[in-house]
PDB file of all heavy atoms in Angstrom:
ATOM      1  N   TRP A   1       0.797  -1.203  -0.044  1.00  0.00           N
ATOM      2  CA  TRP A   1      -0.002   0.081   0.023  1.00  0.00           C
ATOM      3  C   TRP A   1       0.787   1.248  -0.082  1.00  0.00           C
ATOM      4  O   TRP A   1       1.988   1.240   0.353  1.00  0.00           O
ATOM      5  CB  TRP A   1      -0.956   0.041   1.143  1.00  0.00           C
ATOM      6  CG  TRP A   1      -0.173  -0.170   2.497  1.00  0.00           C
ATOM      7  CD1 TRP A   1       0.359   0.854   3.254  1.00  0.00           C
ATOM      8  CD2 TRP A   1      -0.011  -1.308   3.271  1.00  0.00           C
ATOM      9  NE1 TRP A   1       0.975   0.413   4.427  1.00  0.00           N
ATOM     10  CE2 TRP A   1       0.739  -0.921   4.497  1.00  0.00           C
ATOM     11  CE3 TRP A   1      -0.452  -2.580   3.137  1.00  0.00           C
ATOM     12  CZ2 TRP A   1       1.073  -1.878   5.439  1.00  0.00           C
ATOM     13  CZ3 TRP A   1      -0.048  -3.542   4.107  1.00  0.00           C
ATOM     14  CH2 TRP A   1       0.629  -3.170   5.237  1.00  0.00           C
ATOM     15  N   LYS A   2       0.262   2.349  -0.388  1.00  0.00           N
ATOM     16  CA  LYS A   2       0.906   3.655  -0.442  1.00  0.00           C
ATOM     17  C   LYS A   2       0.499   4.467   0.879  1.00  0.00           C
ATOM     18  O   LYS A   2      -0.317   4.033   1.543  1.00  0.00           O
ATOM     19  CB  LYS A   2       0.512   4.467  -1.683  1.00  0.00           C
ATOM     20  CG  LYS A   2       0.992   3.787  -2.936  1.00  0.00           C
ATOM     21  CD  LYS A   2       0.607   4.574  -4.248  1.00  0.00           C
ATOM     22  CE  LYS A   2       1.024   3.925  -5.507  1.00  0.00           C
ATOM     23  NZ  LYS A   2       0.689   4.769  -6.644  1.00  0.00           N
ATOM     24  N   ARG A   3       1.207   5.596   1.051  1.00  0.00           N
ATOM     25  CA  ARG A   3       0.807   6.339   2.213  1.00  0.00           C
ATOM     26  C   ARG A   3      -0.655   6.855   2.149  1.00  0.00           C
ATOM     27  O   ARG A   3      -1.134   7.130   1.100  1.00  0.00           O
ATOM     28  CB  ARG A   3       1.806   7.620   2.219  1.00  0.00           C
ATOM     29  CG  ARG A   3       3.290   7.193   2.504  1.00  0.00           C
ATOM     30  CD  ARG A   3       4.100   8.471   2.661  1.00  0.00           C
ATOM     31  NE  ARG A   3       4.083   9.208   1.388  1.00  0.00           N
ATOM     32  CZ  ARG A   3       4.710  10.348   1.146  1.00  0.00           C
ATOM     33  NH1 ARG A   3       5.436  10.939   2.152  1.00  0.00           N
ATOM     34  NH2 ARG A   3       4.625  10.943  -0.042  1.00  0.00           N
ATOM     35  N   VAL A   4      -1.159   7.129   3.348  1.00  0.00           N
ATOM     36  CA  VAL A   4      -2.513   7.603   3.455  1.00  0.00           C
ATOM     37  C   VAL A   4      -2.542   8.925   2.610  1.00  0.00           C
ATOM     38  O   VAL A   4      -1.791   9.746   2.765  1.00  0.00           O
ATOM     39  CB  VAL A   4      -2.923   7.707   4.836  1.00  0.00           C
ATOM     40  CG1 VAL A   4      -4.166   8.697   5.041  1.00  0.00           C
ATOM     41  CG2 VAL A   4      -3.172   6.418   5.497  1.00  0.00           C
ATOM     42  N   GLY A   5      -3.761   9.115   1.909  1.00  0.00           N
ATOM     43  CA  GLY A   5      -3.926  10.249   1.050  1.00  0.00           C
ATOM     44  C   GLY A   5      -3.500  10.119  -0.375  1.00  0.00           C
ATOM     45  O   GLY A   5      -3.866  10.885  -1.219  1.00  0.00           O
ATOM     46  N   GLU A   6      -2.695   9.029  -0.657  1.00  0.00           N
ATOM     47  CA  GLU A   6      -2.313   8.744  -2.045  1.00  0.00           C
ATOM     48  C   GLU A   6      -3.190   7.620  -2.632  1.00  0.00           C
ATOM     49  O   GLU A   6      -3.788   6.787  -1.995  1.00  0.00           O
ATOM     50  CB  GLU A   6      -0.819   8.267  -2.089  1.00  0.00           C
ATOM     51  CG  GLU A   6       0.136   9.293  -1.649  1.00  0.00           C
ATOM     52  CD  GLU A   6       1.549   8.735  -1.790  1.00  0.00           C
ATOM     53  OE1 GLU A   6       1.820   7.608  -2.354  1.00  0.00           O
ATOM     54  OE2 GLU A   6       2.574   9.394  -1.291  1.00  0.00           O
ATOM     55  N   TRP A   7      -3.362   7.769  -3.931  1.00  0.00           N
ATOM     56  CA  TRP A   7      -4.203   6.770  -4.630  1.00  0.00           C
ATOM     57  C   TRP A   7      -3.593   5.430  -4.800  1.00  0.00           C
ATOM     58  O   TRP A   7      -2.398   5.392  -5.074  1.00  0.00           O
ATOM     59  CB  TRP A   7      -4.592   7.280  -6.017  1.00  0.00           C
ATOM     60  CG  TRP A   7      -5.598   8.408  -5.992  1.00  0.00           C
ATOM     61  CD1 TRP A   7      -5.327   9.750  -6.093  1.00  0.00           C
ATOM     62  CD2 TRP A   7      -6.978   8.319  -5.776  1.00  0.00           C
ATOM     63  NE1 TRP A   7      -6.540  10.470  -6.113  1.00  0.00           N
ATOM     64  CE2 TRP A   7      -7.528   9.583  -5.903  1.00  0.00           C
ATOM     65  CE3 TRP A   7      -7.805   7.212  -5.765  1.00  0.00           C
ATOM     66  CZ2 TRP A   7      -8.847   9.810  -5.788  1.00  0.00           C
ATOM     67  CZ3 TRP A   7      -9.251   7.478  -5.561  1.00  0.00           C
ATOM     68  CH2 TRP A   7      -9.793   8.785  -5.640  1.00  0.00           C
ATOM     69  N   ASN A   8      -4.267   4.396  -4.611  1.00  0.00           N
ATOM     70  CA  ASN A   8      -3.856   3.014  -4.698  1.00  0.00           C
ATOM     71  C   ASN A   8      -4.716   2.355  -5.828  1.00  0.00           C
ATOM     72  O   ASN A   8      -5.849   2.789  -6.121  1.00  0.00           O
ATOM     73  CB  ASN A   8      -4.148   2.239  -3.427  1.00  0.00           C
ATOM     74  CG  ASN A   8      -3.230   2.659  -2.277  1.00  0.00           C
ATOM     75  OD1 ASN A   8      -2.138   2.087  -2.108  1.00  0.00           O
ATOM     76  ND2 ASN A   8      -3.668   3.652  -1.534  1.00  0.00           N
ATOM     77  N   HIS A   9      -4.126   1.327  -6.481  1.00  0.00           N
ATOM     78  CA  HIS A   9      -4.857   0.647  -7.454  1.00  0.00           C
ATOM     79  C   HIS A   9      -5.029  -0.878  -7.069  1.00  0.00           C
ATOM     80  O   HIS A   9      -4.009  -1.536  -6.837  1.00  0.00           O
ATOM     81  CB  HIS A   9      -4.075   0.642  -8.788  1.00  0.00           C
ATOM     82  CG  HIS A   9      -4.777  -0.004  -9.954  1.00  0.00           C
ATOM     83  ND1 HIS A   9      -5.782   0.459 -10.554  1.00  0.00           N
ATOM     84  CD2 HIS A   9      -4.417  -1.204 -10.558  1.00  0.00           C
ATOM     85  CE1 HIS A   9      -6.265  -0.439 -11.526  1.00  0.00           C
ATOM     86  NE2 HIS A   9      -5.423  -1.418 -11.539  1.00  0.00           N
ATOM     87  N   THR A  10      -6.278  -1.180  -6.946  1.00  0.00           N
ATOM     88  CA  THR A  10      -6.609  -2.644  -6.612  1.00  0.00           C
ATOM     89  C   THR A  10      -7.111  -3.353  -7.743  1.00  0.00           C
ATOM     90  O   THR A  10      -7.857  -2.878  -8.564  1.00  0.00           O
ATOM     91  CB  THR A  10      -7.662  -2.620  -5.401  1.00  0.00           C
ATOM     92  OG1 THR A  10      -7.023  -2.375  -4.234  1.00  0.00           O
ATOM     93  CG2 THR A  10      -8.437  -3.920  -5.308  1.00  0.00           C
ATOM     94  N   ARG A  11      -6.814  -4.706  -7.832  1.00  0.00           N
ATOM     95  CA  ARG A  11      -7.306  -5.628  -8.801  1.00  0.00           C
ATOM     96  C   ARG A  11      -7.786  -6.961  -8.055  1.00  0.00           C
ATOM     97  O   ARG A  11      -6.941  -7.475  -7.299  1.00  0.00           O
ATOM     98  CB  ARG A  11      -6.259  -6.050  -9.886  1.00  0.00           C
ATOM     99  CG  ARG A  11      -6.770  -6.999 -10.899  1.00  0.00           C
ATOM    100  CD  ARG A  11      -5.607  -7.233 -11.892  1.00  0.00           C
ATOM    101  NE  ARG A  11      -5.916  -8.282 -12.834  1.00  0.00           N
ATOM    102  CZ  ARG A  11      -5.347  -9.493 -12.831  1.00  0.00           C
ATOM    103  NH1 ARG A  11      -4.337  -9.683 -11.872  1.00  0.00           N
ATOM    104  NH2 ARG A  11      -5.548 -10.378 -13.707  1.00  0.00           N
ATOM    105  N   ILE A  12      -8.989  -7.358  -8.227  1.00  0.00           N
ATOM    106  CA  ILE A  12      -9.502  -8.506  -7.680  1.00  0.00           C
ATOM    107  C   ILE A  12      -9.899  -9.491  -8.865  1.00  0.00           C
ATOM    108  O   ILE A  12     -10.762  -9.102  -9.668  1.00  0.00           O
ATOM    109  CB  ILE A  12     -10.695  -8.316  -6.758  1.00  0.00           C
ATOM    110  CG1 ILE A  12     -10.281  -7.335  -5.577  1.00  0.00           C
ATOM    111  CG2 ILE A  12     -11.192  -9.597  -6.115  1.00  0.00           C
ATOM    112  CD1 ILE A  12     -11.480  -6.848  -4.762  1.00  0.00           C
ATOM    113  N   LEU A  13      -9.313 -10.647  -8.835  1.00  0.00           N
ATOM    114  CA  LEU A  13      -9.721 -11.719  -9.826  1.00  0.00           C
ATOM    115  C   LEU A  13     -10.368 -12.839  -9.209  1.00  0.00           C
ATOM    116  O   LEU A  13      -9.843 -13.469  -8.282  1.00  0.00           O
ATOM    117  CB  LEU A  13      -8.478 -12.054 -10.557  1.00  0.00           C
ATOM    118  CG  LEU A  13      -8.700 -13.126 -11.702  1.00  0.00           C
ATOM    119  CD1 LEU A  13      -9.470 -12.678 -12.745  1.00  0.00           C
ATOM    120  CD2 LEU A  13      -7.319 -13.730 -12.097  1.00  0.00           C
ATOM    121  N   VAL A  14     -11.663 -13.091  -9.541  1.00  0.00           N
ATOM    122  CA  VAL A  14     -12.428 -14.201  -9.027  1.00  0.00           C
ATOM    123  C   VAL A  14     -12.744 -15.066 -10.268  1.00  0.00           C
ATOM    124  O   VAL A  14     -13.551 -14.691 -11.144  1.00  0.00           O
ATOM    125  CB  VAL A  14     -13.696 -13.790  -8.354  1.00  0.00           C
ATOM    126  CG1 VAL A  14     -14.493 -15.098  -7.816  1.00  0.00           C
ATOM    127  CG2 VAL A  14     -13.370 -12.894  -7.140  1.00  0.00           C
ATOM    128  N   ASN A  15     -12.113 -16.188 -10.425  1.00  0.00           N
ATOM    129  CA  ASN A  15     -12.346 -17.133 -11.582  1.00  0.00           C
ATOM    130  C   ASN A  15     -12.702 -18.559 -11.088  1.00  0.00           C
ATOM    131  O   ASN A  15     -11.811 -19.345 -10.694  1.00  0.00           O
ATOM    132  CB  ASN A  15     -11.059 -17.289 -12.442  1.00  0.00           C
ATOM    133  CG  ASN A  15     -11.309 -17.886 -13.745  1.00  0.00           C
ATOM    134  OD1 ASN A  15     -12.354 -18.313 -14.084  1.00  0.00           O
ATOM    135  ND2 ASN A  15     -10.237 -17.969 -14.530  1.00  0.00           N
ATOM    136  N   GLY A  16     -13.968 -18.755 -10.901  1.00  0.00           N
ATOM    137  CA  GLY A  16     -14.472 -20.080 -10.357  1.00  0.00           C
ATOM    138  C   GLY A  16     -14.068 -20.027  -8.877  1.00  0.00           C
ATOM    139  O   GLY A  16     -14.531 -19.171  -8.082  1.00  0.00           O
ATOM    140  N   THR A  17     -13.248 -21.018  -8.561  1.00  0.00           N
ATOM    141  CA  THR A  17     -12.778 -21.096  -6.999  1.00  0.00           C
ATOM    142  C   THR A  17     -11.613 -20.435  -6.790  1.00  0.00           C
ATOM    143  O   THR A  17     -11.163 -20.169  -5.661  1.00  0.00           O
ATOM    144  CB  THR A  17     -12.678 -22.563  -6.664  1.00  0.00           C
ATOM    145  OG1 THR A  17     -11.604 -23.172  -7.470  1.00  0.00           O
ATOM    146  CG2 THR A  17     -13.963 -23.304  -6.793  1.00  0.00           C
ATOM    147  N   ASP A  18     -10.823 -19.903  -7.881  1.00  0.00           N
ATOM    148  CA  ASP A  18      -9.584 -19.208  -7.627  1.00  0.00           C
ATOM    149  C   ASP A  18      -9.784 -17.628  -7.493  1.00  0.00           C
ATOM    150  O   ASP A  18     -10.394 -17.081  -8.305  1.00  0.00           O
ATOM    151  CB  ASP A  18      -8.626 -19.531  -8.933  1.00  0.00           C
ATOM    152  CG  ASP A  18      -8.401 -20.936  -9.066  1.00  0.00           C
ATOM    153  OD1 ASP A  18      -8.237 -21.615  -8.051  1.00  0.00           O
ATOM    154  OD2 ASP A  18      -8.265 -21.457 -10.213  1.00  0.00           O
ATOM    155  N   VAL A  19      -9.069 -17.148  -6.440  1.00  0.00           N
ATOM    156  CA  VAL A  19      -9.261 -15.699  -6.130  1.00  0.00           C
ATOM    157  C   VAL A  19      -7.782 -15.233  -6.027  1.00  0.00           C
ATOM    158  O   VAL A  19      -6.933 -15.789  -5.297  1.00  0.00           O
ATOM    159  CB  VAL A  19      -9.992 -15.392  -4.947  1.00  0.00           C
ATOM    160  CG1 VAL A  19     -10.169 -14.053  -4.663  1.00  0.00           C
ATOM    161  CG2 VAL A  19     -11.358 -16.094  -5.040  1.00  0.00           C
ATOM    162  N   GLU A  20      -7.530 -14.020  -6.587  1.00  0.00           N
ATOM    163  CA  GLU A  20      -6.364 -13.221  -6.458  1.00  0.00           C
ATOM    164  C   GLU A  20      -6.587 -11.851  -6.040  1.00  0.00           C
ATOM    165  O   GLU A  20      -7.500 -11.210  -6.588  1.00  0.00           O
ATOM    166  CB  GLU A  20      -5.453 -13.220  -7.791  1.00  0.00           C
ATOM    167  CG  GLU A  20      -5.042 -14.560  -8.250  1.00  0.00           C
ATOM    168  CD  GLU A  20      -4.297 -14.549  -9.538  1.00  0.00           C
ATOM    169  OE1 GLU A  20      -4.063 -13.390 -10.088  1.00  0.00           O
ATOM    170  OE2 GLU A  20      -4.046 -15.562 -10.109  1.00  0.00           O
ATOM    171  N   HIS A  21      -5.815 -11.414  -5.062  1.00  0.00           N
ATOM    172  CA  HIS A  21      -5.774  -9.961  -4.664  1.00  0.00           C
ATOM    173  C   HIS A  21      -4.538  -9.248  -5.212  1.00  0.00           C
ATOM    174  O   HIS A  21      -3.410  -9.758  -4.816  1.00  0.00           O
ATOM    175  CB  HIS A  21      -5.942  -9.807  -3.196  1.00  0.00           C
ATOM    176  CG  HIS A  21      -7.164 -10.208  -2.620  1.00  0.00           C
ATOM    177  ND1 HIS A  21      -7.547  -9.943  -1.245  1.00  0.00           N
ATOM    178  CD2 HIS A  21      -8.311 -10.726  -3.187  1.00  0.00           C
ATOM    179  CE1 HIS A  21      -8.760 -10.323  -0.981  1.00  0.00           C
ATOM    180  NE2 HIS A  21      -9.186 -10.897  -2.105  1.00  0.00           N
ATOM    181  N   TRP A  22      -4.605  -8.215  -5.918  1.00  0.00           N
ATOM    182  CA  TRP A  22      -3.441  -7.397  -6.323  1.00  0.00           C
ATOM    183  C   TRP A  22      -3.569  -5.973  -5.829  1.00  0.00           C
ATOM    184  O   TRP A  22      -4.624  -5.498  -5.620  1.00  0.00           O
ATOM    185  CB  TRP A  22      -3.473  -7.348  -7.838  1.00  0.00           C
ATOM    186  CG  TRP A  22      -3.184  -8.688  -8.510  1.00  0.00           C
ATOM    187  CD1 TRP A  22      -4.092  -9.664  -8.688  1.00  0.00           C
ATOM    188  CD2 TRP A  22      -1.927  -9.024  -9.173  1.00  0.00           C
ATOM    189  NE1 TRP A  22      -3.482 -10.690  -9.380  1.00  0.00           N
ATOM    190  CE2 TRP A  22      -2.208 -10.326  -9.780  1.00  0.00           C
ATOM    191  CE3 TRP A  22      -0.817  -8.291  -9.535  1.00  0.00           C
ATOM    192  CZ2 TRP A  22      -1.234 -10.999 -10.422  1.00  0.00           C
ATOM    193  CZ3 TRP A  22       0.184  -9.017 -10.147  1.00  0.00           C
ATOM    194  CH2 TRP A  22      -0.028 -10.363 -10.705  1.00  0.00           C
ATOM    195  N   LEU A  23      -2.345  -5.465  -5.455  1.00  0.00           N
ATOM    196  CA  LEU A  23      -2.310  -4.030  -4.941  1.00  0.00           C
ATOM    197  C   LEU A  23      -1.061  -3.344  -5.599  1.00  0.00           C
ATOM    198  O   LEU A  23       0.014  -3.767  -5.421  1.00  0.00           O
ATOM    199  CB  LEU A  23      -2.284  -4.070  -3.455  1.00  0.00           C
ATOM    200  CG  LEU A  23      -2.203  -2.698  -2.747  1.00  0.00           C
ATOM    201  CD1 LEU A  23      -3.466  -1.788  -3.136  1.00  0.00           C
ATOM    202  CD2 LEU A  23      -2.066  -2.830  -1.290  1.00  0.00           C
ATOM    203  N   ASN A  24      -1.484  -2.244  -6.249  1.00  0.00           N
ATOM    204  CA  ASN A  24      -0.424  -1.470  -6.966  1.00  0.00           C
ATOM    205  C   ASN A  24       0.531  -2.347  -7.748  1.00  0.00           C
ATOM    206  O   ASN A  24       1.757  -2.119  -7.741  1.00  0.00           O
ATOM    207  CB  ASN A  24       0.331  -0.637  -5.870  1.00  0.00           C
ATOM    208  CG  ASN A  24      -0.592   0.293  -5.151  1.00  0.00           C
ATOM    209  OD1 ASN A  24      -1.486   0.955  -5.788  1.00  0.00           O
ATOM    210  ND2 ASN A  24      -0.383   0.479  -3.919  1.00  0.00           N
ATOM    211  N   GLY A  25       0.033  -3.188  -8.583  1.00  0.00           N
ATOM    212  CA  GLY A  25       0.746  -4.186  -9.475  1.00  0.00           C
ATOM    213  C   GLY A  25       1.424  -5.295  -8.797  1.00  0.00           C
ATOM    214  O   GLY A  25       2.115  -6.061  -9.474  1.00  0.00           O
ATOM    215  N   VAL A  26       1.162  -5.548  -7.481  1.00  0.00           N
ATOM    216  CA  VAL A  26       1.738  -6.608  -6.833  1.00  0.00           C
ATOM    217  C   VAL A  26       0.717  -7.628  -6.338  1.00  0.00           C
ATOM    218  O   VAL A  26      -0.264  -7.300  -5.735  1.00  0.00           O
ATOM    219  CB  VAL A  26       2.545  -6.188  -5.530  1.00  0.00           C
ATOM    220  CG1 VAL A  26       3.117  -7.406  -4.791  1.00  0.00           C
ATOM    221  CG2 VAL A  26       3.628  -5.145  -5.917  1.00  0.00           C
ATOM    222  N   LYS A  27       0.876  -8.920  -6.760  1.00  0.00           N
ATOM    223  CA  LYS A  27      -0.112 -10.022  -6.213  1.00  0.00           C
ATOM    224  C   LYS A  27       0.224 -10.217  -4.844  1.00  0.00           C
ATOM    225  O   LYS A  27       1.315 -10.715  -4.413  1.00  0.00           O
ATOM    226  CB  LYS A  27       0.033 -11.219  -7.104  1.00  0.00           C
ATOM    227  CG  LYS A  27      -1.073 -12.205  -6.625  1.00  0.00           C
ATOM    228  CD  LYS A  27      -1.295 -13.325  -7.568  1.00  0.00           C
ATOM    229  CE  LYS A  27      -0.166 -14.336  -7.522  1.00  0.00           C
ATOM    230  NZ  LYS A  27      -0.493 -15.604  -8.385  1.00  0.00           N
ATOM    231  N   ILE A  28      -0.736  -9.972  -3.845  1.00  0.00           N
ATOM    232  CA  ILE A  28      -0.496 -10.033  -2.404  1.00  0.00           C
ATOM    233  C   ILE A  28      -1.237 -11.175  -1.716  1.00  0.00           C
ATOM    234  O   ILE A  28      -0.938 -11.521  -0.562  1.00  0.00           O
ATOM    235  CB  ILE A  28      -0.859  -8.719  -1.721  1.00  0.00           C
ATOM    236  CG1 ILE A  28      -2.184  -8.251  -2.108  1.00  0.00           C
ATOM    237  CG2 ILE A  28       0.282  -7.648  -2.143  1.00  0.00           C
ATOM    238  CD1 ILE A  28      -2.602  -7.022  -1.302  1.00  0.00           C
ATOM    239  N   VAL A  29      -2.309 -11.669  -2.417  1.00  0.00           N
ATOM    240  CA  VAL A  29      -3.095 -12.849  -1.842  1.00  0.00           C
ATOM    241  C   VAL A  29      -3.550 -13.672  -2.985  1.00  0.00           C
ATOM    242  O   VAL A  29      -3.919 -13.203  -3.999  1.00  0.00           O
ATOM    243  CB  VAL A  29      -4.339 -12.265  -0.994  1.00  0.00           C
ATOM    244  CG1 VAL A  29      -5.137 -13.451  -0.578  1.00  0.00           C
ATOM    245  CG2 VAL A  29      -3.926 -11.468   0.078  1.00  0.00           C
ATOM    246  N   ASP A  30      -3.479 -15.026  -2.727  1.00  0.00           N
ATOM    247  CA  ASP A  30      -3.878 -15.972  -3.687  1.00  0.00           C
ATOM    248  C   ASP A  30      -4.559 -17.162  -2.889  1.00  0.00           C
ATOM    249  O   ASP A  30      -3.874 -17.764  -2.038  1.00  0.00           O
ATOM    250  CB  ASP A  30      -2.678 -16.509  -4.423  1.00  0.00           C
ATOM    251  CG  ASP A  30      -3.066 -17.308  -5.650  1.00  0.00           C
ATOM    252  OD1 ASP A  30      -4.256 -17.852  -5.682  1.00  0.00           O
ATOM    253  OD2 ASP A  30      -2.184 -17.611  -6.487  1.00  0.00           O
ATOM    254  N   TYR A  31      -5.857 -17.370  -3.187  1.00  0.00           N
ATOM    255  CA  TYR A  31      -6.510 -18.455  -2.361  1.00  0.00           C
ATOM    256  C   TYR A  31      -7.624 -19.131  -3.199  1.00  0.00           C
ATOM    257  O   TYR A  31      -7.943 -18.618  -4.253  1.00  0.00           O
ATOM    258  CB  TYR A  31      -7.158 -17.901  -1.080  1.00  0.00           C
ATOM    259  CG  TYR A  31      -8.147 -16.824  -1.152  1.00  0.00           C
ATOM    260  CD1 TYR A  31      -9.531 -17.129  -1.259  1.00  0.00           C
ATOM    261  CD2 TYR A  31      -7.764 -15.491  -1.260  1.00  0.00           C
ATOM    262  CE1 TYR A  31     -10.425 -16.101  -1.379  1.00  0.00           C
ATOM    263  CE2 TYR A  31      -8.680 -14.480  -1.351  1.00  0.00           C
ATOM    264  CZ  TYR A  31     -10.043 -14.825  -1.435  1.00  0.00           C
ATOM    265  OH  TYR A  31     -10.976 -13.779  -1.502  1.00  0.00           O
ATOM    266  N   GLN A  32      -8.078 -20.203  -2.700  1.00  0.00           N
ATOM    267  CA  GLN A  32      -9.220 -20.946  -3.383  1.00  0.00           C
ATOM    268  C   GLN A  32     -10.412 -21.031  -2.478  1.00  0.00           C
ATOM    269  O   GLN A  32     -10.258 -21.250  -1.235  1.00  0.00           O
ATOM    270  CB  GLN A  32      -8.759 -22.370  -3.668  1.00  0.00           C
ATOM    271  CG  GLN A  32      -7.841 -22.375  -4.912  1.00  0.00           C
ATOM    272  CD  GLN A  32      -7.531 -23.762  -5.349  1.00  0.00           C
ATOM    273  OE1 GLN A  32      -7.339 -24.764  -4.570  1.00  0.00           O
ATOM    274  NE2 GLN A  32      -7.782 -24.022  -6.629  1.00  0.00           N
ATOM    275  N   LEU A  33     -11.498 -20.766  -3.021  1.00  0.00           N
ATOM    276  CA  LEU A  33     -12.757 -20.844  -2.213  1.00  0.00           C
ATOM    277  C   LEU A  33     -13.246 -22.265  -1.964  1.00  0.00           C
ATOM    278  O   LEU A  33     -13.051 -23.161  -2.841  1.00  0.00           O
ATOM    279  CB  LEU A  33     -13.935 -20.071  -3.056  1.00  0.00           C
ATOM    280  CG  LEU A  33     -13.751 -18.605  -3.272  1.00  0.00           C
ATOM    281  CD1 LEU A  33     -14.717 -18.119  -4.388  1.00  0.00           C
ATOM    282  CD2 LEU A  33     -13.957 -17.823  -2.027  1.00  0.00           C
ATOM    283  N   TRP A  34     -13.741 -22.545  -0.841  1.00  0.00           N
ATOM    284  CA  TRP A  34     -14.520 -23.730  -0.450  1.00  0.00           C
ATOM    285  C   TRP A  34     -13.711 -24.965  -0.399  1.00  0.00           C
ATOM    286  O   TRP A  34     -14.243 -26.074  -0.372  1.00  0.00           O
ATOM    287  CB  TRP A  34     -15.659 -23.842  -1.492  1.00  0.00           C
ATOM    288  CG  TRP A  34     -16.459 -22.684  -1.665  1.00  0.00           C
ATOM    289  CD1 TRP A  34     -16.966 -21.792  -0.724  1.00  0.00           C
ATOM    290  CD2 TRP A  34     -16.779 -22.019  -2.879  1.00  0.00           C
ATOM    291  NE1 TRP A  34     -17.577 -20.705  -1.295  1.00  0.00           N
ATOM    292  CE2 TRP A  34     -17.390 -20.773  -2.695  1.00  0.00           C
ATOM    293  CE3 TRP A  34     -16.434 -22.371  -4.239  1.00  0.00           C
ATOM    294  CZ2 TRP A  34     -17.890 -19.905  -3.582  1.00  0.00           C
ATOM    295  CZ3 TRP A  34     -16.890 -21.466  -5.251  1.00  0.00           C
ATOM    296  CH2 TRP A  34     -17.592 -20.205  -4.942  1.00  0.00           C
ATOM    297  N   THR A  35     -12.437 -24.805  -0.307  1.00  0.00           N
ATOM    298  CA  THR A  35     -11.564 -26.034  -0.092  1.00  0.00           C
ATOM    299  C   THR A  35     -11.518 -26.433   1.381  1.00  0.00           C
ATOM    300  O   THR A  35     -12.048 -25.609   2.257  1.00  0.00           O
ATOM    301  CB  THR A  35     -10.106 -25.655  -0.514  1.00  0.00           C
ATOM    302  OG1 THR A  35      -9.655 -24.581   0.237  1.00  0.00           O
ATOM    303  CG2 THR A  35     -10.104 -25.255  -2.023  1.00  0.00           C
ATOM    304  N   PRO A  36     -10.952 -27.526   1.791  1.00  0.00           N
ATOM    305  CA  PRO A  36     -10.777 -27.853   3.255  1.00  0.00           C
ATOM    306  C   PRO A  36      -9.965 -26.693   3.901  1.00  0.00           C
ATOM    307  O   PRO A  36     -10.314 -26.456   5.145  1.00  0.00           O
ATOM    308  CB  PRO A  36     -10.077 -29.138   3.131  1.00  0.00           C
ATOM    309  CG  PRO A  36     -10.496 -29.860   1.860  1.00  0.00           C
ATOM    310  CD  PRO A  36     -10.532 -28.557   0.915  1.00  0.00           C
ATOM    311  N   ASP A  37      -8.975 -26.198   3.340  1.00  0.00           N
ATOM    312  CA  ASP A  37      -8.212 -25.105   4.000  1.00  0.00           C
ATOM    313  C   ASP A  37      -9.167 -23.894   4.179  1.00  0.00           C
ATOM    314  O   ASP A  37      -9.113 -23.283   5.284  1.00  0.00           O
ATOM    315  CB  ASP A  37      -7.012 -24.643   3.157  1.00  0.00           C
ATOM    316  CG  ASP A  37      -6.296 -23.505   3.761  1.00  0.00           C
ATOM    317  OD1 ASP A  37      -5.635 -23.691   4.668  1.00  0.00           O
ATOM    318  OD2 ASP A  37      -6.398 -22.329   3.143  1.00  0.00           O
ATOM    319  N   TRP A  38      -9.991 -23.564   3.174  1.00  0.00           N
ATOM    320  CA  TRP A  38     -10.968 -22.443   3.436  1.00  0.00           C
ATOM    321  C   TRP A  38     -11.937 -22.741   4.472  1.00  0.00           C
ATOM    322  O   TRP A  38     -12.082 -21.826   5.495  1.00  0.00           O
ATOM    323  CB  TRP A  38     -11.744 -22.231   2.080  1.00  0.00           C
ATOM    324  CG  TRP A  38     -12.909 -21.344   2.223  1.00  0.00           C
ATOM    325  CD1 TRP A  38     -14.147 -21.686   2.594  1.00  0.00           C
ATOM    326  CD2 TRP A  38     -12.921 -19.977   1.909  1.00  0.00           C
ATOM    327  NE1 TRP A  38     -14.931 -20.591   2.591  1.00  0.00           N
ATOM    328  CE2 TRP A  38     -14.275 -19.456   2.131  1.00  0.00           C
ATOM    329  CE3 TRP A  38     -12.030 -19.059   1.380  1.00  0.00           C
ATOM    330  CZ2 TRP A  38     -14.728 -18.188   1.936  1.00  0.00           C
ATOM    331  CZ3 TRP A  38     -12.398 -17.720   1.227  1.00  0.00           C
ATOM    332  CH2 TRP A  38     -13.698 -17.335   1.444  1.00  0.00           C
ATOM    333  N   GLN A  39     -12.382 -23.900   4.651  1.00  0.00           N
ATOM    334  CA  GLN A  39     -13.390 -24.272   5.682  1.00  0.00           C
ATOM    335  C   GLN A  39     -12.714 -24.220   7.007  1.00  0.00           C
ATOM    336  O   GLN A  39     -13.325 -23.715   8.002  1.00  0.00           O
ATOM    337  CB  GLN A  39     -13.998 -25.671   5.387  1.00  0.00           C
ATOM    338  CG  GLN A  39     -14.771 -25.720   4.145  1.00  0.00           C
ATOM    339  CD  GLN A  39     -16.001 -24.810   4.070  1.00  0.00           C
ATOM    340  OE1 GLN A  39     -16.454 -24.362   5.140  1.00  0.00           O
ATOM    341  NE2 GLN A  39     -16.604 -24.591   2.953  1.00  0.00           N
ATOM    342  N   ALA A  40     -11.449 -24.678   7.079  1.00  0.00           N
ATOM    343  CA  ALA A  40     -10.694 -24.643   8.394  1.00  0.00           C
ATOM    344  C   ALA A  40     -10.594 -23.212   8.883  1.00  0.00           C
ATOM    345  O   ALA A  40     -10.721 -23.009  10.063  1.00  0.00           O
ATOM    346  CB  ALA A  40      -9.450 -25.341   8.216  1.00  0.00           C
ATOM    347  N   ARG A  41     -10.169 -22.337   7.963  1.00  0.00           N
ATOM    348  CA  ARG A  41      -9.983 -20.895   8.312  1.00  0.00           C
ATOM    349  C   ARG A  41     -11.313 -20.293   8.801  1.00  0.00           C
ATOM    350  O   ARG A  41     -11.313 -19.469   9.767  1.00  0.00           O
ATOM    351  CB  ARG A  41      -9.400 -20.170   7.200  1.00  0.00           C
ATOM    352  CG  ARG A  41      -8.000 -20.499   6.827  1.00  0.00           C
ATOM    353  CD  ARG A  41      -7.508 -19.879   5.574  1.00  0.00           C
ATOM    354  NE  ARG A  41      -6.217 -20.359   5.156  1.00  0.00           N
ATOM    355  CZ  ARG A  41      -5.087 -19.676   5.387  1.00  0.00           C
ATOM    356  NH1 ARG A  41      -5.104 -18.495   6.011  1.00  0.00           N
ATOM    357  NH2 ARG A  41      -3.868 -20.164   4.943  1.00  0.00           N
ATOM    358  N   VAL A  42     -12.430 -20.582   8.130  1.00  0.00           N
ATOM    359  CA  VAL A  42     -13.746 -20.173   8.457  1.00  0.00           C
ATOM    360  C   VAL A  42     -13.995 -20.557   9.945  1.00  0.00           C
ATOM    361  O   VAL A  42     -14.410 -19.871  10.875  1.00  0.00           O
ATOM    362  CB  VAL A  42     -14.828 -20.567   7.534  1.00  0.00           C
ATOM    363  CG1 VAL A  42     -16.191 -20.223   8.160  1.00  0.00           C
ATOM    364  CG2 VAL A  42     -14.598 -19.918   6.222  1.00  0.00           C
TER     365      VAL A  42
END
């Protein structure tokens, strides 16, 4: 992230069960929906 008051650019990709979070051109989160790992975290 950038300093407060500066503009950030977010990209969210949801493709079936695959999800990616991007911030300012950097992939920062990558996960799958509804897997055993997902359920365990819930």
